[in-house]
């Protein structure tokens, strides 16, 4: 189970504004963390993923990566996951994101 989240929901990242968006992403991160613990005995992997700063309507033209780069990275991440990774908050490039 992979959820596209955002680093904007990471409690380790201090920033201002967009309270509803940040809160919703923090909530989904916590849900995924709990699901990971509950579903691990069944062999089901659960991870939230930060897609990166993507050139979309929200990210804008100055964002770091394209939609295709983000999607390709997330697919590569998913294909490499194993049960030891469950409950980890990842970035699109496979690196681990701080909670």
Protein backbone atom coordinates (compact mmCIF):
# COMPACT_ATOMS: atom_id res chain seq x y z
CA UNK A 1 0.00 0.00 0.00
CA UNK A 2 1.67 3.19 -1.18
CA UNK A 3 0.25 6.64 -0.44
CA UNK A 4 1.48 9.74 -2.18
CA UNK A 5 2.09 12.06 0.73
CA UNK A 6 4.33 15.10 1.03
CA UNK A 7 7.27 16.31 3.04
CA UNK A 8 4.89 19.10 4.04
CA UNK A 9 3.34 16.56 6.42
CA UNK A 10 6.64 15.67 8.09
CA UNK A 11 6.75 16.85 11.68
CA UNK A 12 10.53 17.21 11.39
CA UNK A 13 10.12 19.94 8.76
CA UNK A 14 9.30 23.39 10.12
CA UNK A 15 7.44 25.73 7.78
CA UNK A 16 4.52 28.13 7.62
CA UNK A 17 1.15 28.27 5.88
CA UNK A 18 -1.01 25.74 4.04
CA UNK A 19 -2.32 24.37 7.34
CA UNK A 20 -5.10 22.18 5.93
CA UNK A 21 -2.80 20.58 3.34
CA UNK A 22 0.02 20.01 5.84
CA UNK A 23 -2.40 18.57 8.41
CA UNK A 24 -3.95 16.18 5.89
CA UNK A 25 -0.52 14.89 4.87
CA UNK A 26 0.59 14.51 8.50
CA UNK A 27 -2.59 12.55 9.16
CA UNK A 28 -2.12 10.22 6.19
CA UNK A 29 1.50 9.64 7.24
CA UNK A 30 0.31 8.55 10.69
CA UNK A 31 -2.37 6.30 9.20
CA UNK A 32 0.25 4.63 6.99
CA UNK A 33 2.58 4.15 9.97
CA UNK A 34 -0.21 2.43 11.92
CA UNK A 35 -1.31 0.32 8.95
CA UNK A 36 2.27 -0.80 8.43
CA UNK A 37 2.38 -2.23 11.95
CA UNK A 38 -1.03 -3.86 11.64
CA UNK A 39 -0.52 -5.39 8.20
CA UNK A 40 3.12 -6.48 8.52
CA UNK A 41 2.14 -9.92 9.93
CA UNK A 42 0.13 -10.47 6.75
CA UNK A 43 3.12 -9.58 4.57
CA UNK A 44 1.64 -6.30 3.34
CA UNK A 45 4.01 -3.35 2.90
CA UNK A 46 2.67 0.14 3.70
CA UNK A 47 4.69 3.29 2.98
CA UNK A 48 3.95 6.97 2.44
CA UNK A 49 6.02 8.56 -0.36
CA UNK A 50 6.99 12.18 -0.92
CA UNK A 51 6.83 12.67 -4.71
CA UNK A 52 9.39 15.49 -4.71
CA UNK A 53 8.92 19.08 -5.76
CA UNK A 54 7.24 18.36 -9.07
CA UNK A 55 6.46 20.70 -11.97
CA UNK A 56 2.66 20.66 -11.65
CA UNK A 57 0.04 23.34 -11.09
CA UNK A 58 0.88 23.20 -7.38
CA UNK A 59 4.67 22.86 -7.72
CA UNK A 60 5.01 25.47 -10.45
CA UNK A 61 7.46 25.83 -13.32
CA UNK A 62 10.46 26.28 -10.98
CA UNK A 63 10.05 22.85 -9.34
CA UNK A 64 12.99 20.44 -9.38
CA UNK A 65 11.61 17.48 -11.33
CA UNK A 66 9.06 16.57 -13.98
CA UNK A 67 5.98 14.43 -13.42
CA UNK A 68 7.66 11.67 -15.45
CA UNK A 69 10.80 11.73 -13.27
CA UNK A 70 8.74 11.55 -10.09
CA UNK A 71 6.56 8.74 -11.40
CA UNK A 72 9.54 6.73 -12.67
CA UNK A 73 11.29 7.10 -9.32
CA UNK A 74 8.21 6.02 -7.38
CA UNK A 75 7.74 2.97 -9.62
CA UNK A 76 11.41 2.01 -9.13
CA UNK A 77 10.99 2.46 -5.36
CA UNK A 78 7.87 0.29 -5.30
CA UNK A 79 9.53 -2.47 -7.33
CA UNK A 80 12.42 -2.59 -4.85
CA UNK A 81 10.41 -2.66 -1.63
CA UNK A 82 10.46 -5.57 0.76
CA UNK A 83 8.74 -6.15 4.08
CA UNK A 84 11.67 -4.67 6.04
CA UNK A 85 10.76 -1.29 4.48
CA UNK A 86 7.20 -1.26 5.74
CA UNK A 87 6.35 1.85 7.72
CA UNK A 88 9.20 3.86 6.21
CA UNK A 89 8.51 7.36 4.87
CA UNK A 90 10.28 7.51 1.50
CA UNK A 91 11.12 10.15 -1.07
CA UNK A 92 10.43 9.53 -4.74
CA UNK A 93 14.12 8.76 -5.35
CA UNK A 94 14.19 5.90 -2.82
CA UNK A 95 15.85 7.84 -0.03
CA UNK A 96 14.32 7.77 3.42
CA UNK A 97 12.51 10.91 4.59
CA UNK A 98 12.53 11.97 8.24
CA UNK A 99 9.16 11.73 9.92
